[in-house]
Structures are given as C-alpha cells and as structure tokens.
PDB file of all heavy atoms in Angstrom:
ATOM      1  N   TYR A   1     123.345  59.624 142.787  1.00  0.00           N
ATOM      2  CA  TYR A   1     122.562  59.878 144.008  1.00  0.00           C
ATOM      3  C   TYR A   1     122.713  58.698 144.968  1.00  0.00           C
ATOM      4  O   TYR A   1     122.675  57.544 144.549  1.00  0.00           O
ATOM      5  CB  TYR A   1     121.091  60.116 143.663  1.00  0.00           C
ATOM      6  CG  TYR A   1     120.860  61.360 142.850  1.00  0.00           C
ATOM      7  CD1 TYR A   1     120.789  61.271 141.452  1.00  0.00           C
ATOM      8  CD2 TYR A   1     120.718  62.590 143.453  1.00  0.00           C
ATOM      9  CE1 TYR A   1     120.582  62.415 140.687  1.00  0.00           C
ATOM     10  CE2 TYR A   1     120.523  63.741 142.703  1.00  0.00           C
ATOM     11  CZ  TYR A   1     120.448  63.641 141.318  1.00  0.00           C
ATOM     12  OH  TYR A   1     120.253  64.788 140.564  1.00  0.00           O
ATOM     13  N   GLY A   2     122.799  59.016 146.216  1.00  0.00           N
ATOM     14  CA  GLY A   2     122.838  57.977 147.244  1.00  0.00           C
ATOM     15  C   GLY A   2     121.685  58.168 148.223  1.00  0.00           C
ATOM     16  O   GLY A   2     121.368  59.300 148.594  1.00  0.00           O
ATOM     17  N   VAL A   3     121.062  57.080 148.578  1.00  0.00           N
ATOM     18  CA  VAL A   3     119.992  57.081 149.549  1.00  0.00           C
ATOM     19  C   VAL A   3     120.388  56.147 150.689  1.00  0.00           C
ATOM     20  O   VAL A   3     120.597  54.941 150.446  1.00  0.00           O
ATOM     21  CB  VAL A   3     118.633  56.634 148.963  1.00  0.00           C
ATOM     22  CG1 VAL A   3     117.544  56.644 150.025  1.00  0.00           C
ATOM     23  CG2 VAL A   3     118.243  57.532 147.793  1.00  0.00           C
ATOM     24  N   SER A   4     120.497  56.656 151.891  1.00  0.00           N
ATOM     25  CA  SER A   4     120.979  55.895 153.013  1.00  0.00           C
ATOM     26  C   SER A   4     119.827  55.471 153.927  1.00  0.00           C
ATOM     27  O   SER A   4     118.976  56.299 154.270  1.00  0.00           O
ATOM     28  CB  SER A   4     121.986  56.700 153.817  1.00  0.00           C
ATOM     29  OG  SER A   4     122.475  55.977 154.921  1.00  0.00           O
ATOM     30  N   GLY A   5     119.787  54.185 154.270  1.00  0.00           N
ATOM     31  CA  GLY A   5     118.814  53.689 155.204  1.00  0.00           C
ATOM     32  C   GLY A   5     117.505  53.206 154.573  1.00  0.00           C
ATOM     33  O   GLY A   5     117.298  53.363 153.369  1.00  0.00           O
ATOM     34  N   ALA A   6     116.654  52.616 155.416  1.00  0.00           N
ATOM     35  CA  ALA A   6     115.365  52.091 154.977  1.00  0.00           C
ATOM     36  C   ALA A   6     114.331  53.218 154.908  1.00  0.00           C
ATOM     37  O   ALA A   6     113.453  53.312 155.755  1.00  0.00           O
ATOM     38  CB  ALA A   6     114.903  50.969 155.900  1.00  0.00           C
ATOM     39  N   GLN A   7     114.515  54.095 153.958  1.00  0.00           N
ATOM     40  CA  GLN A   7     113.655  55.246 153.824  1.00  0.00           C
ATOM     41  C   GLN A   7     112.201  54.850 153.441  1.00  0.00           C
ATOM     42  O   GLN A   7     111.991  53.748 152.900  1.00  0.00           O
ATOM     43  CB  GLN A   7     114.199  56.191 152.746  1.00  0.00           C
ATOM     44  CG  GLN A   7     115.595  56.696 153.033  1.00  0.00           C
ATOM     45  CD  GLN A   7     115.604  57.763 154.095  1.00  0.00           C
ATOM     46  OE1 GLN A   7     114.574  58.285 154.515  1.00  0.00           O
ATOM     47  NE2 GLN A   7     116.808  58.159 154.569  1.00  0.00           N
ATOM     48  N   PRO A   8     111.230  55.713 153.689  1.00  0.00           N
ATOM     49  CA  PRO A   8     109.864  55.417 153.223  1.00  0.00           C
ATOM     50  C   PRO A   8     109.830  55.295 151.713  1.00  0.00           C
ATOM     51  O   PRO A   8     110.695  55.873 151.009  1.00  0.00           O
ATOM     52  CB  PRO A   8     109.081  56.654 153.699  1.00  0.00           C
ATOM     53  CG  PRO A   8     109.879  57.214 154.826  1.00  0.00           C
ATOM     54  CD  PRO A   8     111.318  56.961 154.464  1.00  0.00           C
ATOM     55  N   ALA A   9     108.839  54.610 151.195  1.00  0.00           N
ATOM     56  CA  ALA A   9     108.737  54.421 149.737  1.00  0.00           C
ATOM     57  C   ALA A   9     108.703  55.736 148.997  1.00  0.00           C
ATOM     58  O   ALA A   9     109.217  55.854 147.880  1.00  0.00           O
ATOM     59  CB  ALA A   9     107.494  53.593 149.434  1.00  0.00           C
ATOM     60  N   GLU A  10     108.085  56.753 149.617  1.00  0.00           N
ATOM     61  CA  GLU A  10     107.987  58.067 148.964  1.00  0.00           C
ATOM     62  C   GLU A  10     109.345  58.657 148.680  1.00  0.00           C
ATOM     63  O   GLU A  10     109.539  59.354 147.673  1.00  0.00           O
ATOM     64  CB  GLU A  10     107.151  59.029 149.839  1.00  0.00           C
ATOM     65  CG  GLU A  10     105.690  58.621 149.988  1.00  0.00           C
ATOM     66  CD  GLU A  10     105.465  57.514 150.983  1.00  0.00           C
ATOM     67  OE1 GLU A  10     106.438  57.157 151.720  1.00  0.00           O
ATOM     68  OE2 GLU A  10     104.354  56.976 151.063  1.00  0.00           O
ATOM     69  N   VAL A  11     110.300  58.459 149.579  1.00  0.00           N
ATOM     70  CA  VAL A  11     111.646  58.973 149.358  1.00  0.00           C
ATOM     71  C   VAL A  11     112.316  58.280 148.176  1.00  0.00           C
ATOM     72  O   VAL A  11     112.982  58.913 147.373  1.00  0.00           O
ATOM     73  CB  VAL A  11     112.482  58.808 150.627  1.00  0.00           C
ATOM     74  CG1 VAL A  11     113.957  59.187 150.382  1.00  0.00           C
ATOM     75  CG2 VAL A  11     111.909  59.658 151.773  1.00  0.00           C
ATOM     76  N   PHE A  12     112.110  56.984 148.080  1.00  0.00           N
ATOM     77  CA  PHE A  12     112.661  56.236 146.931  1.00  0.00           C
ATOM     78  C   PHE A  12     112.004  56.697 145.637  1.00  0.00           C
ATOM     79  O   PHE A  12     112.669  56.795 144.605  1.00  0.00           O
ATOM     80  CB  PHE A  12     112.492  54.730 147.131  1.00  0.00           C
ATOM     81  CG  PHE A  12     113.374  54.145 148.218  1.00  0.00           C
ATOM     82  CD1 PHE A  12     112.826  53.518 149.308  1.00  0.00           C
ATOM     83  CD2 PHE A  12     114.752  54.244 148.105  1.00  0.00           C
ATOM     84  CE1 PHE A  12     113.641  52.991 150.307  1.00  0.00           C
ATOM     85  CE2 PHE A  12     115.574  53.709 149.101  1.00  0.00           C
ATOM     86  CZ  PHE A  12     115.007  53.074 150.206  1.00  0.00           C
ATOM     87  N   THR A  13     110.717  56.931 145.682  1.00  0.00           N
ATOM     88  CA  THR A  13     110.033  57.430 144.475  1.00  0.00           C
ATOM     89  C   THR A  13     110.637  58.749 144.025  1.00  0.00           C
ATOM     90  O   THR A  13     110.904  58.954 142.823  1.00  0.00           O
ATOM     91  CB  THR A  13     108.512  57.616 144.772  1.00  0.00           C
ATOM     92  OG1 THR A  13     107.956  56.361 145.079  1.00  0.00           O
ATOM     93  CG2 THR A  13     107.814  58.230 143.574  1.00  0.00           C
ATOM     94  N   GLU A  14     110.857  59.653 144.973  1.00  0.00           N
ATOM     95  CA  GLU A  14     111.454  60.933 144.636  1.00  0.00           C
ATOM     96  C   GLU A  14     112.860  60.777 144.062  1.00  0.00           C
ATOM     97  O   GLU A  14     113.234  61.435 143.090  1.00  0.00           O
ATOM     98  CB  GLU A  14     111.499  61.824 145.885  1.00  0.00           C
ATOM     99  CG  GLU A  14     112.068  63.194 145.660  1.00  0.00           C
ATOM    100  CD  GLU A  14     112.098  64.035 146.929  1.00  0.00           C
ATOM    101  OE1 GLU A  14     111.533  63.611 147.941  1.00  0.00           O
ATOM    102  OE2 GLU A  14     112.692  65.129 146.883  1.00  0.00           O
ATOM    103  N   ALA A  15     113.646  59.889 144.663  1.00  0.00           N
ATOM    104  CA  ALA A  15     115.006  59.677 144.199  1.00  0.00           C
ATOM    105  C   ALA A  15     115.026  59.069 142.798  1.00  0.00           C
ATOM    106  O   ALA A  15     115.811  59.492 141.933  1.00  0.00           O
ATOM    107  CB  ALA A  15     115.760  58.740 145.170  1.00  0.00           C
ATOM    108  N   LEU A  16     114.153  58.099 142.527  1.00  0.00           N
ATOM    109  CA  LEU A  16     114.070  57.490 141.202  1.00  0.00           C
ATOM    110  C   LEU A  16     113.688  58.543 140.164  1.00  0.00           C
ATOM    111  O   LEU A  16     114.279  58.608 139.088  1.00  0.00           O
ATOM    112  CB  LEU A  16     113.069  56.338 141.199  1.00  0.00           C
ATOM    113  CG  LEU A  16     113.479  55.065 141.922  1.00  0.00           C
ATOM    114  CD1 LEU A  16     112.289  54.142 142.142  1.00  0.00           C
ATOM    115  CD2 LEU A  16     114.557  54.323 141.100  1.00  0.00           C
ATOM    116  N   THR A  17     112.693  59.324 140.502  1.00  0.00           N
ATOM    117  CA  THR A  17     112.218  60.343 139.539  1.00  0.00           C
ATOM    118  C   THR A  17     113.283  61.378 139.238  1.00  0.00           C
ATOM    119  O   THR A  17     113.505  61.764 138.093  1.00  0.00           O
ATOM    120  CB  THR A  17     110.963  61.047 140.129  1.00  0.00           C
ATOM    121  OG1 THR A  17     109.954  60.056 140.375  1.00  0.00           O
ATOM    122  CG2 THR A  17     110.438  62.105 139.193  1.00  0.00           C
ATOM    123  N   GLN A  18     113.996  61.824 140.283  1.00  0.00           N
ATOM    124  CA  GLN A  18     115.020  62.834 140.094  1.00  0.00           C
ATOM    125  C   GLN A  18     116.185  62.284 139.312  1.00  0.00           C
ATOM    126  O   GLN A  18     116.711  62.924 138.379  1.00  0.00           O
ATOM    127  CB  GLN A  18     115.506  63.337 141.443  1.00  0.00           C
ATOM    128  CG  GLN A  18     116.494  64.501 141.340  1.00  0.00           C
ATOM    129  CD  GLN A  18     116.751  65.145 142.698  1.00  0.00           C
ATOM    130  OE1 GLN A  18     116.106  64.846 143.682  1.00  0.00           O
ATOM    131  NE2 GLN A  18     117.723  66.056 142.733  1.00  0.00           N
ATOM    132  N   ALA A  19     116.632  61.063 139.655  1.00  0.00           N
ATOM    133  CA  ALA A  19     117.763  60.455 138.936  1.00  0.00           C
ATOM    134  C   ALA A  19     117.404  60.203 137.484  1.00  0.00           C
ATOM    135  O   ALA A  19     118.231  60.427 136.591  1.00  0.00           O
ATOM    136  CB  ALA A  19     118.167  59.151 139.607  1.00  0.00           C
ATOM    137  N   TRP A  20     116.203  59.773 137.233  1.00  0.00           N
ATOM    138  CA  TRP A  20     115.764  59.504 135.852  1.00  0.00           C
ATOM    139  C   TRP A  20     115.733  60.823 135.054  1.00  0.00           C
ATOM    140  O   TRP A  20     116.209  60.871 133.907  1.00  0.00           O
ATOM    141  CB  TRP A  20     114.389  58.852 135.835  1.00  0.00           C
ATOM    142  CG  TRP A  20     113.934  58.507 134.440  1.00  0.00           C
ATOM    143  CD1 TRP A  20     113.170  59.274 133.590  1.00  0.00           C
ATOM    144  CD2 TRP A  20     114.219  57.292 133.739  1.00  0.00           C
ATOM    145  NE1 TRP A  20     112.978  58.612 132.407  1.00  0.00           N
ATOM    146  CE2 TRP A  20     113.594  57.384 132.479  1.00  0.00           C
ATOM    147  CE3 TRP A  20     114.911  56.140 134.074  1.00  0.00           C
ATOM    148  CZ2 TRP A  20     113.653  56.396 131.521  1.00  0.00           C
ATOM    149  CZ3 TRP A  20     114.991  55.129 133.111  1.00  0.00           C
ATOM    150  CH2 TRP A  20     114.369  55.251 131.869  1.00  0.00           C
ATOM    151  N   GLY A  21     115.222  61.852 135.640  1.00  0.00           N
ATOM    152  CA  GLY A  21     115.086  63.126 134.944  1.00  0.00           C
ATOM    153  C   GLY A  21     116.398  63.809 134.671  1.00  0.00           C
ATOM    154  O   GLY A  21     116.508  64.658 133.775  1.00  0.00           O
ATOM    155  N   GLU A  22     117.435  63.457 135.442  1.00  0.00           N
ATOM    156  CA  GLU A  22     118.735  64.132 135.285  1.00  0.00           C
ATOM    157  C   GLU A  22     119.750  63.250 134.580  1.00  0.00           C
ATOM    158  O   GLU A  22     120.968  63.554 134.609  1.00  0.00           O
ATOM    159  CB  GLU A  22     119.250  64.567 136.653  1.00  0.00           C
ATOM    160  CG  GLU A  22     118.380  65.620 137.310  1.00  0.00           C
ATOM    161  CD  GLU A  22     118.974  66.182 138.590  1.00  0.00           C
ATOM    162  OE1 GLU A  22     120.172  65.937 138.837  1.00  0.00           O
ATOM    163  OE2 GLU A  22     118.257  66.852 139.322  1.00  0.00           O
ATOM    164  N   ARG A  23     119.295  62.195 133.945  1.00  0.00           N
ATOM    165  CA  ARG A  23     120.219  61.408 133.163  1.00  0.00           C
ATOM    166  C   ARG A  23     120.797  62.272 132.024  1.00  0.00           C
ATOM    167  O   ARG A  23     120.071  62.995 131.374  1.00  0.00           O
ATOM    168  CB  ARG A  23     119.538  60.180 132.565  1.00  0.00           C
ATOM    169  CG  ARG A  23     119.176  59.111 133.586  1.00  0.00           C
ATOM    170  CD  ARG A  23     118.401  58.003 132.908  1.00  0.00           C
ATOM    171  NE  ARG A  23     117.238  58.552 132.209  1.00  0.00           N
ATOM    172  CZ  ARG A  23     116.781  58.113 131.043  1.00  0.00           C
ATOM    173  NH1 ARG A  23     117.402  57.123 130.430  1.00  0.00           N
ATOM    174  NH2 ARG A  23     115.747  58.687 130.472  1.00  0.00           N
ATOM    175  N   SER A  24     122.076  62.168 131.796  1.00  0.00           N
ATOM    176  CA  SER A  24     122.722  62.991 130.757  1.00  0.00           C
ATOM    177  C   SER A  24     122.484  62.362 129.397  1.00  0.00           C
ATOM    178  O   SER A  24     122.792  61.170 129.198  1.00  0.00           O
ATOM    179  CB  SER A  24     124.224  63.090 131.018  1.00  0.00           C
ATOM    180  OG  SER A  24     124.472  63.715 132.253  1.00  0.00           O
ATOM    181  N   PRO A  25     121.947  63.132 128.458  1.00  0.00           N
ATOM    182  CA  PRO A  25     121.814  62.579 127.106  1.00  0.00           C
ATOM    183  C   PRO A  25     123.175  62.338 126.495  1.00  0.00           C
ATOM    184  O   PRO A  25     124.165  62.992 126.833  1.00  0.00           O
ATOM    185  CB  PRO A  25     121.032  63.680 126.355  1.00  0.00           C
ATOM    186  CG  PRO A  25     121.368  64.923 127.099  1.00  0.00           C
ATOM    187  CD  PRO A  25     121.497  64.527 128.524  1.00  0.00           C
ATOM    188  N   LEU A  26     123.252  61.415 125.548  1.00  0.00           N
ATOM    189  CA  LEU A  26     124.499  61.100 124.881  1.00  0.00           C
ATOM    190  C   LEU A  26     124.983  62.288 124.058  1.00  0.00           C
ATOM    191  O   LEU A  26     124.236  62.859 123.282  1.00  0.00           O
ATOM    192  CB  LEU A  26     124.304  59.883 123.955  1.00  0.00           C
ATOM    193  CG  LEU A  26     125.540  59.382 123.210  1.00  0.00           C
ATOM    194  CD1 LEU A  26     126.522  58.792 124.196  1.00  0.00           C
ATOM    195  CD2 LEU A  26     125.145  58.362 122.173  1.00  0.00           C
ATOM    196  N   LYS A  27     126.225  62.691 124.283  1.00  0.00           N
ATOM    197  CA  LYS A  27     126.818  63.772 123.482  1.00  0.00           C
ATOM    198  C   LYS A  27     127.627  63.133 122.352  1.00  0.00           C
ATOM    199  O   LYS A  27     128.604  62.428 122.584  1.00  0.00           O
ATOM    200  CB  LYS A  27     127.719  64.623 124.385  1.00  0.00           C
ATOM    201  CG  LYS A  27     126.929  65.393 125.450  1.00  0.00           C
ATOM    202  CD  LYS A  27     127.865  66.268 126.287  1.00  0.00           C
ATOM    203  CE  LYS A  27     127.050  67.032 127.337  1.00  0.00           C
ATOM    204  NZ  LYS A  27     127.949  67.873 128.190  1.00  0.00           N
ATOM    205  N   LEU A  28     127.193  63.407 121.137  1.00  0.00           N
ATOM    206  CA  LEU A  28     127.772  62.790 119.971  1.00  0.00           C
ATOM    207  C   LEU A  28     128.926  63.633 119.428  1.00  0.00           C
ATOM    208  O   LEU A  28     128.765  64.835 119.215  1.00  0.00           O
ATOM    209  CB  LEU A  28     126.729  62.579 118.883  1.00  0.00           C
ATOM    210  CG  LEU A  28     127.180  61.892 117.606  1.00  0.00           C
ATOM    211  CD1 LEU A  28     127.606  60.447 117.902  1.00  0.00           C
ATOM    212  CD2 LEU A  28     126.060  61.925 116.580  1.00  0.00           C
ATOM    213  N   ILE A  29     130.084  63.008 119.236  1.00  0.00           N
ATOM    214  CA  ILE A  29     131.220  63.676 118.630  1.00  0.00           C
ATOM    215  C   ILE A  29     131.362  63.112 117.238  1.00  0.00           C
ATOM    216  O   ILE A  29     131.707  61.920 117.066  1.00  0.00           O
ATOM    217  CB  ILE A  29     132.497  63.490 119.450  1.00  0.00           C
ATOM    218  CG1 ILE A  29     132.334  64.076 120.852  1.00  0.00           C
ATOM    219  CG2 ILE A  29     133.704  64.113 118.741  1.00  0.00           C
ATOM    220  CD1 ILE A  29     133.485  63.811 121.771  1.00  0.00           C
ATOM    221  N   ASP A  30     131.082  63.899 116.208  1.00  0.00           N
ATOM    222  CA  ASP A  30     131.110  63.417 114.838  1.00  0.00           C
ATOM    223  C   ASP A  30     131.670  64.521 113.956  1.00  0.00           C
ATOM    224  O   ASP A  30     130.984  65.520 113.692  1.00  0.00           O
ATOM    225  CB  ASP A  30     129.716  63.021 114.389  1.00  0.00           C
ATOM    226  CG  ASP A  30     129.748  62.418 112.992  1.00  0.00           C
ATOM    227  OD1 ASP A  30     130.816  62.281 112.420  1.00  0.00           O
ATOM    228  OD2 ASP A  30     128.638  62.103 112.468  1.00  0.00           O
ATOM    229  N   GLU A  31     132.916  64.375 113.545  1.00  0.00           N
ATOM    230  CA  GLU A  31     133.527  65.402 112.696  1.00  0.00           C
ATOM    231  C   GLU A  31     133.160  65.210 111.237  1.00  0.00           C
ATOM    232  O   GLU A  31     133.537  65.962 110.378  1.00  0.00           O
ATOM    233  CB  GLU A  31     135.063  65.333 112.865  1.00  0.00           C
ATOM    234  CG  GLU A  31     135.551  65.617 114.269  1.00  0.00           C
ATOM    235  CD  GLU A  31     135.193  67.022 114.719  1.00  0.00           C
ATOM    236  OE1 GLU A  31     135.047  67.909 113.869  1.00  0.00           O
ATOM    237  OE2 GLU A  31     135.027  67.212 115.944  1.00  0.00           O
ATOM    238  N   GLY A  32     132.411  64.135 110.960  1.00  0.00           N
ATOM    239  CA  GLY A  32     132.002  63.908 109.578  1.00  0.00           C
ATOM    240  C   GLY A  32     133.063  63.135 108.777  1.00  0.00           C
ATOM    241  O   GLY A  32     134.246  63.295 108.963  1.00  0.00           O
ATOM    242  N   GLY A  33     132.570  62.273 107.902  1.00  0.00           N
ATOM    243  CA  GLY A  33     133.452  61.558 107.013  1.00  0.00           C
ATOM    244  C   GLY A  33     134.045  60.270 107.555  1.00  0.00           C
ATOM    245  O   GLY A  33     134.712  59.536 106.831  1.00  0.00           O
ATOM    246  N   ALA A  34     133.837  59.998 108.855  1.00  0.00           N
ATOM    247  CA  ALA A  34     134.408  58.764 109.427  1.00  0.00           C
ATOM    248  C   ALA A  34     133.604  57.559 108.970  1.00  0.00           C
ATOM    249  O   ALA A  34     132.394  57.610 108.865  1.00  0.00           O
ATOM    250  CB  ALA A  34     134.400  58.856 110.959  1.00  0.00           C
ATOM    251  N   GLN A  35     134.306  56.467 108.678  1.00  0.00           N
ATOM    252  CA  GLN A  35     133.673  55.255 108.179  1.00  0.00           C
ATOM    253  C   GLN A  35     132.956  54.527 109.342  1.00  0.00           C
ATOM    254  O   GLN A  35     133.439  54.557 110.468  1.00  0.00           O
ATOM    255  CB  GLN A  35     134.708  54.288 107.546  1.00  0.00           C
ATOM    256  CG  GLN A  35     135.193  54.526 106.056  1.00  0.00           C
ATOM    257  CD  GLN A  35     135.123  55.952 105.625  1.00  0.00           C
ATOM    258  OE1 GLN A  35     134.692  56.527 106.353  1.00  0.00           O
ATOM    259  NE2 GLN A  35     135.466  56.513 104.558  1.00  0.00           N
ATOM    260  N   ALA A  36     131.841  53.882 109.028  1.00  0.00           N
ATOM    261  CA  ALA A  36     131.075  53.139 110.043  1.00  0.00           C
ATOM    262  C   ALA A  36     130.237  52.092 109.353  1.00  0.00           C
ATOM    263  O   ALA A  36     130.011  52.148 108.143  1.00  0.00           O
ATOM    264  CB  ALA A  36     130.200  54.075 110.864  1.00  0.00           C
ATOM    265  N   CYS A  37     129.808  51.118 110.113  1.00  0.00           N
ATOM    266  CA  CYS A  37     128.913  50.087 109.626  1.00  0.00           C
ATOM    267  C   CYS A  37     127.535  50.303 110.191  1.00  0.00           C
ATOM    268  O   CYS A  37     127.388  50.761 111.361  1.00  0.00           O
ATOM    269  CB  CYS A  37     129.402  48.685 110.029  1.00  0.00           C
ATOM    270  SG  CYS A  37     130.982  48.216 109.265  1.00  0.00           S
ATOM    271  N   GLY A  38     126.489  50.015 109.415  1.00  0.00           N
ATOM    272  CA  GLY A  38     125.116  50.171 109.861  1.00  0.00           C
ATOM    273  C   GLY A  38     124.257  49.038 109.354  1.00  0.00           C
ATOM    274  O   GLY A  38     124.756  48.063 108.796  1.00  0.00           O
ATOM    275  N   PRO A  39     122.920  49.156 109.506  1.00  0.00           N
ATOM    276  CA  PRO A  39     122.015  48.096 109.108  1.00  0.00           C
ATOM    277  C   PRO A  39     122.124  47.779 107.608  1.00  0.00           C
ATOM    278  O   PRO A  39     121.841  46.658 107.191  1.00  0.00           O
ATOM    279  CB  PRO A  39     120.623  48.675 109.445  1.00  0.00           C
ATOM    280  CG  PRO A  39     120.924  49.674 110.505  1.00  0.00           C
ATOM    281  CD  PRO A  39     122.235  50.256 110.164  1.00  0.00           C
ATOM    282  N   ASP A  40     122.537  48.746 106.821  1.00  0.00           N
ATOM    283  CA  ASP A  40     122.609  48.542 105.375  1.00  0.00           C
ATOM    284  C   ASP A  40     123.991  48.119 104.916  1.00  0.00           C
ATOM    285  O   ASP A  40     124.270  48.014 103.733  1.00  0.00           O
ATOM    286  CB  ASP A  40     122.220  49.810 104.654  1.00  0.00           C
ATOM    287  CG  ASP A  40     120.756  50.196 104.941  1.00  0.00           C
ATOM    288  OD1 ASP A  40     119.935  49.289 105.075  1.00  0.00           O
ATOM    289  OD2 ASP A  40     120.475  51.408 105.034  1.00  0.00           O
ATOM    290  N   GLY A  41     124.890  47.878 105.882  1.00  0.00           N
ATOM    291  CA  GLY A  41     126.228  47.408 105.511  1.00  0.00           C
ATOM    292  C   GLY A  41     127.291  48.398 105.903  1.00  0.00           C
ATOM    293  O   GLY A  41     127.050  49.315 106.695  1.00  0.00           O
ATOM    294  N   CYS A  42     128.483  48.207 105.398  1.00  0.00           N
ATOM    295  CA  CYS A  42     129.600  49.054 105.715  1.00  0.00           C
ATOM    296  C   CYS A  42     130.030  49.881 104.524  1.00  0.00           C
ATOM    297  O   CYS A  42     130.097  49.371 103.405  1.00  0.00           O
ATOM    298  CB  CYS A  42     130.789  48.204 106.186  1.00  0.00           C
ATOM    299  SG  CYS A  42     130.453  47.206 107.641  1.00  0.00           S
TER     300      CYS A  42
END
C-alpha cells in the first residue's frame, strides 16, 4: 500500500489497519521426512 502526501492521521490509521489485516500468513511447504534442527537438537 502507498499513501501519498501529508494525509490526516485518520488516513494513516486506516492504512495501517488495512495493511496489518491483509498480511499474508506464512505458507508452509513440507513434504515430510526432511531433516531439520530444533530446540531439542538435530
């Protein structure tokens, strides 16, 4: 999203809210069986 100019604070509030709400969740690709390291080791 782009906001041009010194808009009123209300416009920035709307833009922040909309951009936050439309963030794409992480899409996980996991075919299973792939090796990885975690908190408990590798």
